[in-house]
Amino acid sequence: MANYNATVTSTRSPDEVFSYLADFRSVAEWDPSITEATHTSDGEPIQVGAQFHVVTSMLGNETPMDYETVELERPGRIVLRGENSSAISTDTITIAPSGTGCEVTYDAEIELKGARKLADPLMGIALGRLGAKAKDGLAEKLNP
């Protein structure tokens, strides 16, 4: 299983950051590998069960994944589960007060399915590279 974990500091309040990140469409604003992020349960509030369609560009391929919000604990924890035919992703976002703002920890675990599990070491390398760019984008977005 490939894993990426990163922490960024924000000058914004935990509640403000929670609201921004809980609406997973925001991932397209700060993660340069995301080419599309839509709220597919549109019209419904962002709550447990909210669904999102995300398209990632990785290694020259566009890969769609459907996510569902499985946990929301305002203002400290967001958990999303994504799945497609080749992988399952669990993204856990933890938001903790720090000084006048907060610290945001993003933990992504990707489990490849079937024979693709053999490529797990390569997925870890790719996830690390993409994650570093996403971390920089998130830090920039959360610190206006």
N, C-alpha and C. Protein backbone atom coordinates (compact mmCIF):
# COMPACT_ATOMS: atom_id res chain seq x y z
N MET A 1 0.85 -1.18 0.00
CA MET A 1 0.00 0.00 0.00
C MET A 1 0.89 1.24 0.00
N ALA A 2 0.64 2.14 -0.94
CA ALA A 2 1.39 3.39 -1.03
C ALA A 2 0.79 4.40 -0.05
N ASN A 3 1.66 5.19 0.56
CA ASN A 3 1.21 6.16 1.56
C ASN A 3 1.97 7.46 1.36
N TYR A 4 1.25 8.57 1.55
CA TYR A 4 1.88 9.88 1.55
C TYR A 4 1.30 10.68 2.70
N ASN A 5 2.17 11.31 3.47
CA ASN A 5 1.75 12.09 4.62
C ASN A 5 2.49 13.41 4.59
N ALA A 6 1.76 14.51 4.74
CA ALA A 6 2.37 15.84 4.74
C ALA A 6 1.61 16.75 5.69
N THR A 7 2.34 17.69 6.29
CA THR A 7 1.73 18.67 7.19
C THR A 7 2.09 20.07 6.71
N VAL A 8 1.08 20.94 6.67
CA VAL A 8 1.29 22.35 6.33
C VAL A 8 0.68 23.21 7.44
N THR A 9 1.22 24.39 7.59
CA THR A 9 0.71 25.34 8.56
C THR A 9 -0.10 26.39 7.81
N SER A 10 -1.22 26.81 8.43
CA SER A 10 -2.07 27.82 7.82
C SER A 10 -2.32 28.96 8.79
N THR A 11 -2.46 30.15 8.24
CA THR A 11 -2.80 31.31 9.05
C THR A 11 -4.31 31.41 9.26
N ARG A 12 -5.07 30.57 8.57
CA ARG A 12 -6.53 30.59 8.68
C ARG A 12 -6.99 29.78 9.90
N SER A 13 -8.20 30.03 10.32
CA SER A 13 -8.74 29.32 11.48
C SER A 13 -9.05 27.87 11.12
N PRO A 14 -9.03 26.97 12.12
CA PRO A 14 -9.38 25.57 11.85
C PRO A 14 -10.76 25.42 11.21
N ASP A 15 -11.73 26.21 11.64
CA ASP A 15 -13.08 26.09 11.10
C ASP A 15 -13.12 26.50 9.63
N GLU A 16 -12.41 27.57 9.28
CA GLU A 16 -12.38 28.03 7.90
C GLU A 16 -11.69 26.99 6.99
N VAL A 17 -10.59 26.43 7.47
CA VAL A 17 -9.87 25.41 6.70
C VAL A 17 -10.72 24.15 6.56
N PHE A 18 -11.41 23.77 7.62
CA PHE A 18 -12.29 22.60 7.57
C PHE A 18 -13.35 22.78 6.49
N SER A 19 -14.02 23.92 6.49
CA SER A 19 -15.07 24.17 5.49
C SER A 19 -14.52 24.10 4.07
N TYR A 20 -13.34 24.65 3.88
CA TYR A 20 -12.73 24.65 2.55
C TYR A 20 -12.37 23.23 2.10
N LEU A 21 -11.74 22.46 2.96
CA LEU A 21 -11.27 21.13 2.56
C LEU A 21 -12.37 20.08 2.56
N ALA A 22 -13.40 20.25 3.38
CA ALA A 22 -14.51 19.29 3.40
C ALA A 22 -15.24 19.27 2.06
N ASP A 23 -15.27 20.40 1.38
CA ASP A 23 -15.82 20.45 0.03
C ASP A 23 -14.68 20.01 -0.90
N PHE A 24 -14.64 18.72 -1.18
CA PHE A 24 -13.49 18.12 -1.87
C PHE A 24 -13.28 18.64 -3.28
N ARG A 25 -14.19 19.44 -3.80
CA ARG A 25 -13.94 20.09 -5.08
C ARG A 25 -12.70 20.98 -4.99
N SER A 26 -12.39 21.45 -3.79
CA SER A 26 -11.24 22.33 -3.59
C SER A 26 -9.92 21.67 -3.97
N VAL A 27 -9.86 20.34 -4.01
CA VAL A 27 -8.61 19.65 -4.33
C VAL A 27 -8.08 20.08 -5.69
N ALA A 28 -8.95 20.43 -6.62
CA ALA A 28 -8.51 20.87 -7.95
C ALA A 28 -7.84 22.23 -7.90
N GLU A 29 -8.06 22.99 -6.83
CA GLU A 29 -7.46 24.32 -6.71
C GLU A 29 -6.03 24.27 -6.18
N TRP A 30 -5.68 23.22 -5.45
CA TRP A 30 -4.36 23.18 -4.82
C TRP A 30 -3.49 21.99 -5.22
N ASP A 31 -4.07 20.96 -5.81
CA ASP A 31 -3.29 19.80 -6.23
C ASP A 31 -3.14 19.84 -7.75
N PRO A 32 -1.94 20.12 -8.24
CA PRO A 32 -1.77 20.27 -9.70
C PRO A 32 -1.98 18.98 -10.49
N SER A 33 -2.04 17.83 -9.83
CA SER A 33 -2.28 16.58 -10.57
C SER A 33 -3.77 16.33 -10.82
N ILE A 34 -4.63 17.15 -10.21
CA ILE A 34 -6.08 16.98 -10.36
C ILE A 34 -6.56 17.86 -11.51
N THR A 35 -7.17 17.23 -12.51
CA THR A 35 -7.67 17.98 -13.66
C THR A 35 -9.16 18.28 -13.55
N GLU A 36 -9.85 17.59 -12.65
CA GLU A 36 -11.30 17.79 -12.49
C GLU A 36 -11.72 17.31 -11.11
N ALA A 37 -12.61 18.05 -10.48
CA ALA A 37 -13.20 17.64 -9.20
C ALA A 37 -14.61 18.21 -9.13
N THR A 38 -15.61 17.34 -9.13
CA THR A 38 -17.00 17.78 -9.10
C THR A 38 -17.74 17.13 -7.94
N HIS A 39 -18.73 17.84 -7.45
CA HIS A 39 -19.61 17.34 -6.38
C HIS A 39 -20.77 16.64 -7.07
N THR A 40 -20.76 15.32 -7.07
CA THR A 40 -21.76 14.58 -7.84
C THR A 40 -23.07 14.39 -7.10
N SER A 41 -23.07 14.68 -5.80
CA SER A 41 -24.34 14.67 -5.07
C SER A 41 -24.77 16.13 -4.89
N ASP A 42 -24.61 16.88 -5.99
CA ASP A 42 -24.89 18.32 -6.03
C ASP A 42 -26.29 18.61 -5.52
N GLY A 43 -26.43 19.72 -4.86
CA GLY A 43 -27.71 20.09 -4.29
C GLY A 43 -27.81 19.66 -2.84
N GLU A 44 -27.01 18.70 -2.46
CA GLU A 44 -26.97 18.26 -1.07
C GLU A 44 -25.84 19.00 -0.37
N PRO A 45 -25.98 19.24 0.92
CA PRO A 45 -24.88 19.89 1.64
C PRO A 45 -23.68 18.95 1.76
N ILE A 46 -22.54 19.55 2.05
CA ILE A 46 -21.35 18.74 2.28
C ILE A 46 -21.53 18.10 3.66
N GLN A 47 -21.69 16.79 3.64
CA GLN A 47 -21.93 16.02 4.86
C GLN A 47 -21.43 14.59 4.61
N VAL A 48 -21.48 13.77 5.66
CA VAL A 48 -21.12 12.37 5.47
C VAL A 48 -22.03 11.81 4.37
N GLY A 49 -21.44 11.12 3.42
CA GLY A 49 -22.18 10.60 2.27
C GLY A 49 -22.04 11.46 1.02
N ALA A 50 -21.51 12.68 1.15
CA ALA A 50 -21.30 13.54 -0.02
C ALA A 50 -20.36 12.83 -0.99
N GLN A 51 -20.65 12.95 -2.28
CA GLN A 51 -19.87 12.24 -3.30
C GLN A 51 -19.21 13.22 -4.26
N PHE A 52 -18.01 12.84 -4.68
CA PHE A 52 -17.20 13.67 -5.56
C PHE A 52 -16.57 12.80 -6.64
N HIS A 53 -16.48 13.34 -7.83
CA HIS A 53 -15.78 12.68 -8.94
C HIS A 53 -14.49 13.46 -9.18
N VAL A 54 -13.36 12.77 -9.10
CA VAL A 54 -12.06 13.41 -9.22
C VAL A 54 -11.27 12.72 -10.33
N VAL A 55 -10.62 13.52 -11.17
CA VAL A 55 -9.78 12.97 -12.23
C VAL A 55 -8.35 13.41 -11.95
N THR A 56 -7.46 12.42 -11.86
CA THR A 56 -6.05 12.66 -11.59
C THR A 56 -5.24 12.38 -12.85
N SER A 57 -4.29 13.24 -13.13
CA SER A 57 -3.35 13.02 -14.22
C SER A 57 -2.06 12.52 -13.60
N MET A 58 -1.74 11.24 -13.86
CA MET A 58 -0.56 10.63 -13.26
C MET A 58 0.17 9.81 -14.31
N LEU A 59 1.45 10.07 -14.45
CA LEU A 59 2.28 9.35 -15.40
C LEU A 59 1.72 9.40 -16.82
N GLY A 60 1.13 10.55 -17.17
CA GLY A 60 0.60 10.75 -18.51
C GLY A 60 -0.79 10.18 -18.75
N ASN A 61 -1.39 9.60 -17.73
CA ASN A 61 -2.73 9.03 -17.87
C ASN A 61 -3.71 9.75 -16.97
N GLU A 62 -4.92 9.95 -17.48
CA GLU A 62 -5.98 10.52 -16.65
C GLU A 62 -6.76 9.37 -16.03
N THR A 63 -6.89 9.42 -14.71
CA THR A 63 -7.54 8.35 -13.97
C THR A 63 -8.68 8.93 -13.15
N PRO A 64 -9.92 8.52 -13.45
CA PRO A 64 -11.05 8.99 -12.65
C PRO A 64 -11.19 8.15 -11.37
N MET A 65 -11.67 8.78 -10.32
CA MET A 65 -11.95 8.09 -9.07
C MET A 65 -13.14 8.76 -8.41
N ASP A 66 -14.06 7.95 -7.91
CA ASP A 66 -15.22 8.48 -7.21
C ASP A 66 -14.98 8.39 -5.71
N TYR A 67 -15.16 9.53 -5.04
CA TYR A 67 -14.93 9.64 -3.60
C TYR A 67 -16.24 9.82 -2.87
N GLU A 68 -16.23 9.36 -1.62
CA GLU A 68 -17.36 9.59 -0.72
C GLU A 68 -16.79 10.07 0.61
N THR A 69 -17.45 11.07 1.18
CA THR A 69 -17.07 11.54 2.50
C THR A 69 -17.57 10.52 3.51
N VAL A 70 -16.66 9.93 4.27
CA VAL A 70 -17.06 8.90 5.23
C VAL A 70 -17.00 9.37 6.67
N GLU A 71 -16.34 10.49 6.90
CA GLU A 71 -16.25 11.01 8.26
C GLU A 71 -16.04 12.52 8.22
N LEU A 72 -16.79 13.24 9.03
CA LEU A 72 -16.62 14.70 9.21
C LEU A 72 -16.75 15.00 10.69
N GLU A 73 -15.70 15.52 11.28
CA GLU A 73 -15.73 15.95 12.68
C GLU A 73 -15.22 17.38 12.73
N ARG A 74 -16.14 18.33 12.65
CA ARG A 74 -15.78 19.75 12.63
C ARG A 74 -15.17 20.15 13.95
N PRO A 75 -14.06 20.87 13.95
CA PRO A 75 -13.28 21.32 12.81
C PRO A 75 -12.00 20.51 12.63
N GLY A 76 -11.95 19.25 13.13
CA GLY A 76 -10.66 18.59 13.19
C GLY A 76 -10.38 17.40 12.30
N ARG A 77 -11.39 16.83 11.62
CA ARG A 77 -11.09 15.59 10.88
C ARG A 77 -12.06 15.40 9.71
N ILE A 78 -11.47 15.05 8.56
CA ILE A 78 -12.21 14.75 7.34
C ILE A 78 -11.63 13.45 6.78
N VAL A 79 -12.49 12.49 6.47
CA VAL A 79 -12.01 11.25 5.85
C VAL A 79 -12.83 11.00 4.60
N LEU A 80 -12.13 10.79 3.49
CA LEU A 80 -12.75 10.49 2.20
C LEU A 80 -12.24 9.15 1.70
N ARG A 81 -13.12 8.40 1.08
CA ARG A 81 -12.74 7.11 0.49
C ARG A 81 -13.03 7.17 -1.00
N GLY A 82 -12.00 6.92 -1.80
CA GLY A 82 -12.14 6.92 -3.24
C GLY A 82 -11.92 5.53 -3.79
N GLU A 83 -12.62 5.23 -4.89
CA GLU A 83 -12.44 3.92 -5.50
C GLU A 83 -12.67 3.99 -7.00
N ASN A 84 -11.89 3.19 -7.71
CA ASN A 84 -12.12 2.94 -9.13
C ASN A 84 -11.76 1.48 -9.39
N SER A 85 -11.67 1.07 -10.63
CA SER A 85 -11.44 -0.33 -10.94
C SER A 85 -10.05 -0.81 -10.55
N SER A 86 -9.10 0.10 -10.34
CA SER A 86 -7.74 -0.32 -10.07
C SER A 86 -7.22 0.00 -8.67
N ALA A 87 -7.94 0.82 -7.90
CA ALA A 87 -7.40 1.22 -6.60
C ALA A 87 -8.47 1.71 -5.65
N ILE A 88 -8.09 1.72 -4.37
CA ILE A 88 -8.90 2.31 -3.31
C ILE A 88 -8.01 3.34 -2.61
N SER A 89 -8.51 4.53 -2.42
CA SER A 89 -7.77 5.59 -1.75
C SER A 89 -8.51 6.01 -0.49
N THR A 90 -7.78 6.12 0.60
CA THR A 90 -8.34 6.67 1.83
C THR A 90 -7.54 7.92 2.16
N ASP A 91 -8.22 9.06 2.16
CA ASP A 91 -7.59 10.35 2.42
C ASP A 91 -8.10 10.87 3.75
N THR A 92 -7.19 11.06 4.69
CA THR A 92 -7.55 11.54 6.02
C THR A 92 -6.90 12.90 6.22
N ILE A 93 -7.72 13.89 6.53
CA ILE A 93 -7.24 15.26 6.75
C ILE A 93 -7.50 15.59 8.21
N THR A 94 -6.44 15.97 8.92
CA THR A 94 -6.54 16.34 10.33
C THR A 94 -6.16 17.80 10.45
N ILE A 95 -6.99 18.55 11.17
CA ILE A 95 -6.79 19.99 11.34
C ILE A 95 -6.69 20.28 12.83
N ALA A 96 -5.56 20.84 13.25
CA ALA A 96 -5.34 21.11 14.67
C ALA A 96 -4.98 22.58 14.87
N PRO A 97 -5.58 23.23 15.89
CA PRO A 97 -5.22 24.63 16.17
C PRO A 97 -3.72 24.75 16.43
N SER A 98 -3.15 25.85 15.95
CA SER A 98 -1.72 26.11 16.16
C SER A 98 -1.50 27.62 16.09
N GLY A 99 -1.09 28.18 17.19
CA GLY A 99 -0.88 29.63 17.22
C GLY A 99 -2.15 30.36 16.87
N THR A 100 -2.08 31.25 15.89
CA THR A 100 -3.27 31.99 15.46
C THR A 100 -3.97 31.33 14.29
N GLY A 101 -3.47 30.18 13.86
CA GLY A 101 -4.06 29.46 12.73
C GLY A 101 -4.22 27.99 13.04
N CYS A 102 -3.68 27.15 12.15
CA CYS A 102 -3.81 25.71 12.35
C CYS A 102 -2.74 24.95 11.58
N GLU A 103 -2.61 23.68 11.92
CA GLU A 103 -1.78 22.76 11.17
C GLU A 103 -2.69 21.75 10.50
N VAL A 104 -2.42 21.49 9.24
CA VAL A 104 -3.22 20.55 8.45
C VAL A 104 -2.32 19.38 8.06
N THR A 105 -2.74 18.18 8.45
CA THR A 105 -2.02 16.98 8.05
C THR A 105 -2.88 16.21 7.07
N TYR A 106 -2.31 15.92 5.93
CA TYR A 106 -3.01 15.18 4.87
C TYR A 106 -2.32 13.83 4.74
N ASP A 107 -3.08 12.77 4.95
CA ASP A 107 -2.55 11.42 4.85
C ASP A 107 -3.34 10.67 3.78
N ALA A 108 -2.65 10.22 2.74
CA ALA A 108 -3.30 9.48 1.65
C ALA A 108 -2.71 8.08 1.58
N GLU A 109 -3.59 7.09 1.59
CA GLU A 109 -3.18 5.69 1.42
C GLU A 109 -3.87 5.15 0.18
N ILE A 110 -3.08 4.59 -0.72
CA ILE A 110 -3.65 4.03 -1.95
C ILE A 110 -3.32 2.54 -1.99
N GLU A 111 -4.38 1.76 -2.06
CA GLU A 111 -4.24 0.31 -2.16
C GLU A 111 -4.61 -0.11 -3.58
N LEU A 112 -3.64 -0.66 -4.29
CA LEU A 112 -3.90 -1.13 -5.64
C LEU A 112 -4.64 -2.46 -5.59
N LYS A 113 -5.46 -2.71 -6.60
CA LYS A 113 -6.27 -3.93 -6.66
C LYS A 113 -5.64 -4.97 -7.58
N GLY A 114 -5.89 -6.23 -7.26
CA GLY A 114 -5.49 -7.34 -8.13
C GLY A 114 -4.01 -7.36 -8.45
N ALA A 115 -3.70 -7.69 -9.70
CA ALA A 115 -2.31 -7.81 -10.15
C ALA A 115 -1.58 -6.47 -10.08
N ARG A 116 -2.32 -5.38 -10.03
CA ARG A 116 -1.69 -4.05 -9.94
C ARG A 116 -0.90 -3.89 -8.64
N LYS A 117 -1.19 -4.72 -7.64
CA LYS A 117 -0.47 -4.64 -6.37
C LYS A 117 1.03 -4.80 -6.57
N LEU A 118 1.43 -5.48 -7.63
CA LEU A 118 2.85 -5.65 -7.92
C LEU A 118 3.53 -4.32 -8.20
N ALA A 119 2.76 -3.33 -8.63
CA ALA A 119 3.30 -2.00 -8.93
C ALA A 119 3.30 -1.08 -7.71
N ASP A 120 3.01 -1.63 -6.54
CA ASP A 120 2.91 -0.81 -5.34
C ASP A 120 4.15 0.04 -5.07
N PRO A 121 5.38 -0.50 -5.22
CA PRO A 121 6.56 0.36 -4.99
C PRO A 121 6.62 1.55 -5.95
N LEU A 122 6.23 1.34 -7.20
CA LEU A 122 6.22 2.44 -8.17
C LEU A 122 5.15 3.47 -7.82
N MET A 123 4.00 2.97 -7.33
CA MET A 123 2.93 3.89 -6.92
C MET A 123 3.42 4.76 -5.76
N GLY A 124 4.17 4.16 -4.85
CA GLY A 124 4.71 4.93 -3.73
C GLY A 124 5.61 6.06 -4.19
N ILE A 125 6.44 5.80 -5.16
CA ILE A 125 7.34 6.83 -5.71
C ILE A 125 6.54 7.93 -6.39
N ALA A 126 5.57 7.52 -7.23
CA ALA A 126 4.75 8.51 -7.94
C ALA A 126 3.93 9.34 -6.95
N LEU A 127 3.38 8.69 -5.93
CA LEU A 127 2.58 9.39 -4.93
C LEU A 127 3.44 10.41 -4.18
N GLY A 128 4.67 10.05 -3.89
CA GLY A 128 5.57 10.98 -3.21
C GLY A 128 5.84 12.23 -4.03
N ARG A 129 6.05 12.04 -5.33
CA ARG A 129 6.31 13.19 -6.21
C ARG A 129 5.07 14.07 -6.36
N LEU A 130 3.93 13.43 -6.61
CA LEU A 130 2.69 14.21 -6.74
C LEU A 130 2.33 14.88 -5.42
N GLY A 131 2.53 14.16 -4.33
CA GLY A 131 2.20 14.68 -3.01
C GLY A 131 3.01 15.91 -2.65
N ALA A 132 4.27 15.93 -3.02
CA ALA A 132 5.11 17.10 -2.72
C ALA A 132 4.57 18.35 -3.42
N LYS A 133 4.13 18.20 -4.67
CA LYS A 133 3.56 19.34 -5.39
C LYS A 133 2.22 19.75 -4.79
N ALA A 134 1.43 18.77 -4.38
CA ALA A 134 0.15 19.07 -3.75
C ALA A 134 0.36 19.79 -2.41
N LYS A 135 1.36 19.36 -1.66
CA LYS A 135 1.67 20.01 -0.38
C LYS A 135 1.99 21.49 -0.59
N ASP A 136 2.82 21.77 -1.58
CA ASP A 136 3.17 23.16 -1.88
C ASP A 136 1.93 23.96 -2.28
N GLY A 137 1.06 23.35 -3.11
CA GLY A 137 -0.17 24.02 -3.52
C GLY A 137 -1.10 24.27 -2.37
N LEU A 138 -1.21 23.31 -1.45
CA LEU A 138 -2.09 23.47 -0.29
C LEU A 138 -1.57 24.56 0.63
N ALA A 139 -0.27 24.56 0.87
CA ALA A 139 0.33 25.61 1.72
C ALA A 139 0.08 26.99 1.13
N GLU A 140 0.22 27.12 -0.18
CA GLU A 140 0.00 28.40 -0.85
C GLU A 140 -1.47 28.82 -0.75
N LYS A 141 -2.38 27.88 -0.95
CA LYS A 141 -3.81 28.18 -0.93
C LYS A 141 -4.30 28.56 0.47
N LEU A 142 -3.72 27.93 1.50
CA LEU A 142 -4.18 28.18 2.86
C LEU A 142 -3.50 29.37 3.53
N ASN A 143 -2.61 30.02 2.82
CA ASN A 143 -1.91 31.17 3.36
C ASN A 143 -1.95 32.33 2.38
N PRO A 144 -3.09 33.03 2.34
CA PRO A 144 -3.25 34.12 1.36
C PRO A 144 -2.29 35.27 1.62
